[in-house]
Amino acid sequence: MQDFSLARRAMVDSQLRPEGVTDRAVVAAMASVERERYVPEAARALAYFDRPLKIAPGRAMMPPAALGKLLSELAPRAGEKALIIGSGTGYSAALLLSIGLNVVALESDKQLADAATEAGIETISGELAPGHAKGAPYDIILLDGAVELLPAALAKQLNDGGRLAGAIIERGVSRLVIGLASGGVLGLRTIADAEVDKLPGFERPPAFTF
């Protein structure tokens, strides 16, 4: 039987730290939350591999190092309110909950939402691109996947000074980004390239051609 505690320790030492994941709260959460609980049983042996992990048709968990980098850049703190868009089976929500945040998890795939609920993560079912304005404003929004287009409405769901993190697909390459909201506008900067699977509902409209 695989020793997942050793796998978690190896993830921290060989994946997170070399990639500059230094936020103490994030490292402590990823060292303690059992990632394998949020992985389909047939794939649990792959739970700590640093690559996207399929959890449903067309959906995958973000690689640990990519998620760790985003969370480290967000610098989440206890008492803050976070919206996770595309929360899947609930792993990223579990990390933020363990740090002490108030978390709203939004998922469009009912089977994934049900799996998250079974794992103890209360999840709202709904389309991802509109976000969840009913629970706004948020201190943090995490896109738990990659998008081609970032809806402007999401910035308006952040507090002034709130942060957004995720991955944006540019010319076929997914790039981790972090953004800061000011006056309902989001300024983004790129952190690094990373292999991150797409979230549904954020496709860029096809360009018009003659």
Protein backbone atom coordinates (compact mmCIF):
# COMPACT_ATOMS: atom_id res chain seq x y z
CA MET A 1 0.00 0.00 0.00
CA GLN A 2 1.34 3.42 -0.95
CA ASP A 3 2.45 5.70 1.89
CA PHE A 4 0.73 8.94 0.94
CA SER A 5 2.30 10.84 3.84
CA LEU A 6 5.73 10.21 2.30
CA ALA A 7 4.37 11.28 -1.09
CA ARG A 8 3.11 14.55 0.42
CA ARG A 9 6.50 15.22 1.98
CA ALA A 10 8.21 14.52 -1.34
CA MET A 11 5.76 16.85 -3.09
CA VAL A 12 6.71 19.68 -0.75
CA ASP A 13 10.46 19.06 -0.98
CA SER A 14 10.83 18.21 -4.68
CA GLN A 15 7.95 20.09 -6.33
CA LEU A 16 6.85 23.06 -4.23
CA ARG A 17 10.06 24.42 -2.75
CA PRO A 18 12.10 24.26 -6.02
CA GLU A 19 9.29 26.20 -7.73
CA GLY A 20 9.41 29.02 -5.19
CA VAL A 21 6.31 28.08 -3.19
CA THR A 22 7.35 29.80 0.01
CA ASP A 23 4.17 31.04 1.68
CA ARG A 24 4.23 29.23 5.02
CA ALA A 25 0.46 28.82 5.32
CA VAL A 26 0.23 27.38 1.80
CA VAL A 27 3.13 24.96 2.33
CA ALA A 28 1.67 23.81 5.66
CA ALA A 29 -1.74 23.24 4.07
CA MET A 30 -0.33 21.27 1.14
CA ALA A 31 1.80 19.21 3.53
CA SER A 32 -1.22 18.24 5.61
CA VAL A 33 -4.30 18.06 3.34
CA GLU A 34 -4.66 14.56 1.89
CA ARG A 35 -4.71 15.20 -1.85
CA GLU A 36 -5.48 11.53 -2.52
CA ARG A 37 -8.92 11.99 -0.93
CA TYR A 38 -9.89 14.26 -3.82
CA VAL A 39 -8.67 11.96 -6.59
CA PRO A 40 -10.76 9.19 -8.23
CA GLU A 41 -9.90 5.90 -6.53
CA ALA A 42 -8.46 4.36 -9.70
CA ALA A 43 -5.96 7.25 -10.01
CA ARG A 44 -4.87 7.64 -6.38
CA ALA A 45 -1.42 6.23 -7.07
CA LEU A 46 -0.88 9.31 -9.28
CA ALA A 47 -2.22 11.82 -6.75
CA TYR A 48 1.15 13.48 -6.11
CA PHE A 49 2.57 13.43 -9.63
CA ASP A 50 3.34 16.94 -10.85
CA ARG A 51 1.09 16.94 -13.88
CA PRO A 52 -2.62 17.45 -14.59
CA LEU A 53 -4.66 14.59 -13.17
CA LYS A 54 -7.90 13.63 -14.92
CA ILE A 55 -10.90 13.66 -12.60
CA ALA A 56 -13.73 13.68 -15.19
CA PRO A 57 -14.13 13.82 -18.97
CA GLY A 58 -12.50 17.07 -20.08
CA ARG A 59 -11.45 18.03 -16.54
CA ALA A 60 -8.23 17.67 -14.59
CA MET A 61 -6.78 18.73 -11.24
CA MET A 62 -4.04 21.31 -11.53
CA PRO A 63 -0.48 20.01 -10.97
CA PRO A 64 0.62 20.53 -7.34
CA ALA A 65 3.46 22.94 -8.18
CA ALA A 66 1.24 25.13 -10.39
CA LEU A 67 -1.49 25.31 -7.74
CA GLY A 68 1.09 25.95 -5.03
CA LYS A 69 2.62 28.83 -6.99
CA LEU A 70 -0.79 30.45 -7.50
CA LEU A 71 -1.76 30.08 -3.85
CA SER A 72 1.61 31.35 -2.69
CA GLU A 73 1.21 34.45 -4.87
CA LEU A 74 -2.31 34.98 -3.51
CA ALA A 75 -0.94 34.85 0.07
CA PRO A 76 -4.28 33.71 1.56
CA ARG A 77 -4.92 34.60 5.18
CA ALA A 78 -7.36 33.31 7.79
CA GLY A 79 -10.65 35.20 7.81
CA GLU A 80 -10.54 36.17 4.13
CA LYS A 81 -13.33 35.16 1.76
CA ALA A 82 -12.46 33.19 -1.36
CA LEU A 83 -14.35 32.07 -4.45
CA ILE A 84 -12.98 29.02 -6.25
CA ILE A 85 -14.20 28.72 -9.83
CA GLY A 86 -14.08 25.20 -11.21
CA SER A 87 -13.48 23.68 -7.80
CA GLY A 88 -13.70 20.11 -9.10
CA THR A 89 -13.50 17.50 -6.35
CA GLY A 90 -12.66 20.15 -3.75
CA TYR A 91 -8.90 19.88 -3.19
CA SER A 92 -8.08 23.58 -3.58
CA ALA A 93 -11.08 24.45 -1.41
CA ALA A 94 -9.81 22.06 1.26
CA LEU A 95 -6.42 23.81 1.21
CA LEU A 96 -7.94 27.27 1.72
CA LEU A 97 -10.33 25.99 4.37
CA SER A 98 -7.39 24.51 6.28
CA ILE A 99 -5.73 27.95 6.24
CA GLY A 100 -8.88 29.41 7.75
CA LEU A 101 -10.57 31.15 4.84
CA ASN A 102 -14.30 31.31 4.21
CA VAL A 103 -14.64 29.45 0.91
CA VAL A 104 -17.32 29.45 -1.78
CA ALA A 105 -16.69 26.53 -4.16
CA LEU A 106 -18.36 26.77 -7.59
CA GLU A 107 -18.52 23.78 -9.96
CA SER A 108 -20.45 23.19 -13.19
CA ASP A 109 -20.03 19.40 -13.34
CA LYS A 110 -22.62 17.80 -11.05
CA GLN A 111 -20.64 14.60 -10.54
CA LEU A 112 -17.58 16.57 -9.46
CA ALA A 113 -19.71 18.76 -7.19
CA ASP A 114 -21.24 15.64 -5.63
CA ALA A 115 -17.77 14.11 -5.12
CA ALA A 116 -16.59 17.30 -3.41
CA THR A 117 -19.65 17.33 -1.16
CA GLU A 118 -19.00 13.69 -0.22
CA ALA A 119 -15.43 14.72 0.69
CA GLY A 120 -16.83 17.39 3.02
CA ILE A 121 -16.54 20.42 0.72
CA GLU A 122 -19.84 22.29 0.39
CA THR A 123 -20.11 23.09 -3.32
CA ILE A 124 -22.43 25.28 -5.37
CA SER A 125 -23.48 23.91 -8.77
CA GLY A 126 -23.60 26.44 -11.59
CA GLU A 127 -21.94 27.84 -14.68
CA LEU A 128 -18.39 28.97 -14.06
CA ALA A 129 -17.86 32.04 -16.23
CA PRO A 130 -20.36 34.31 -14.40
CA GLY A 131 -18.71 33.58 -11.07
CA HIS A 132 -20.99 33.80 -8.02
CA ALA A 133 -22.07 37.40 -7.56
CA LYS A 134 -24.50 36.46 -4.80
CA GLY A 135 -21.60 35.76 -2.44
CA ALA A 136 -19.51 38.78 -3.45
CA PRO A 137 -17.40 40.65 -2.63
CA TYR A 138 -14.41 38.31 -2.27
CA ASP A 139 -10.85 38.92 -1.14
CA ILE A 140 -9.62 36.12 -3.43
CA ILE A 141 -10.84 34.45 -6.61
CA LEU A 142 -9.03 31.30 -7.74
CA LEU A 143 -9.62 29.92 -11.22
CA ASP A 144 -8.81 26.25 -10.68
CA GLY A 145 -7.81 25.71 -14.30
CA ALA A 146 -6.98 27.57 -17.50
CA VAL A 147 -9.20 29.95 -19.48
CA GLU A 148 -8.99 31.53 -22.91
CA LEU A 149 -10.98 34.59 -21.90
CA LEU A 150 -11.29 36.22 -18.48
CA PRO A 151 -14.76 37.76 -18.00
CA ALA A 152 -14.65 41.37 -16.84
CA ALA A 153 -17.51 40.61 -14.42
CA LEU A 154 -15.17 38.62 -12.19
CA ALA A 155 -13.11 41.69 -11.28
CA LYS A 156 -16.30 43.35 -10.04
CA GLN A 157 -16.81 40.48 -7.59
CA LEU A 158 -13.54 41.30 -5.83
CA ASN A 159 -13.01 43.76 -3.02
CA ASP A 160 -10.88 46.75 -3.96
CA GLY A 161 -7.38 45.33 -3.54
CA GLY A 162 -8.67 41.77 -3.93
CA ARG A 163 -6.60 39.19 -5.80
CA LEU A 164 -7.35 36.78 -8.62
CA ALA A 165 -5.18 33.87 -9.76
CA GLY A 166 -5.45 31.24 -12.46
CA ALA A 167 -4.06 30.35 -15.87
CA ILE A 168 -4.67 32.12 -19.18
CA ILE A 169 -4.20 30.35 -22.50
CA GLU A 170 -2.24 32.44 -25.01
CA ARG A 171 -1.40 30.97 -28.41
CA GLY A 172 -1.89 27.48 -27.10
CA VAL A 173 0.30 27.99 -24.00
CA SER A 174 -1.17 28.18 -20.50
CA ARG A 175 0.42 30.84 -18.31
CA LEU A 176 -0.09 31.29 -14.59
CA VAL A 177 -1.28 34.82 -13.79
CA ILE A 178 -2.00 36.88 -10.70
CA GLY A 179 -4.20 39.97 -10.70
CA LEU A 180 -5.01 42.84 -8.35
CA ALA A 181 -8.42 44.54 -8.46
CA SER A 182 -8.71 48.31 -8.32
CA GLY A 183 -11.91 50.18 -9.07
CA GLY A 184 -13.49 47.10 -10.64
CA VAL A 185 -10.57 46.68 -13.05
CA LEU A 186 -8.07 43.84 -12.86
CA GLY A 187 -4.37 44.30 -13.58
CA LEU A 188 -2.70 40.99 -14.46
CA ARG A 189 0.90 39.87 -14.45
CA THR A 190 2.33 36.56 -15.62
CA ILE A 191 4.12 34.30 -13.14
CA ALA A 192 5.23 31.33 -15.23
CA ASP A 193 4.20 28.90 -17.95
CA ALA A 194 2.60 25.69 -16.68
CA GLU A 195 0.63 22.74 -18.00
CA VAL A 196 -2.93 23.42 -16.85
CA ASP A 197 -6.10 21.97 -18.37
CA LYS A 198 -8.95 24.18 -19.54
CA LEU A 199 -12.07 25.06 -17.61
CA PRO A 200 -15.33 24.92 -19.59
CA GLY A 201 -17.22 28.09 -20.50
CA PHE A 202 -14.32 30.51 -20.97
CA GLU A 203 -13.70 29.98 -24.68
CA ARG A 204 -12.72 32.97 -26.79
CA PRO A 205 -15.32 33.71 -29.52
CA PRO A 206 -14.03 32.74 -32.99
CA ALA A 207 -12.51 35.65 -34.88
CA PHE A 208 -14.58 36.96 -37.80
CA THR A 209 -13.07 36.33 -41.21
CA PHE A 210 -14.29 37.10 -44.74
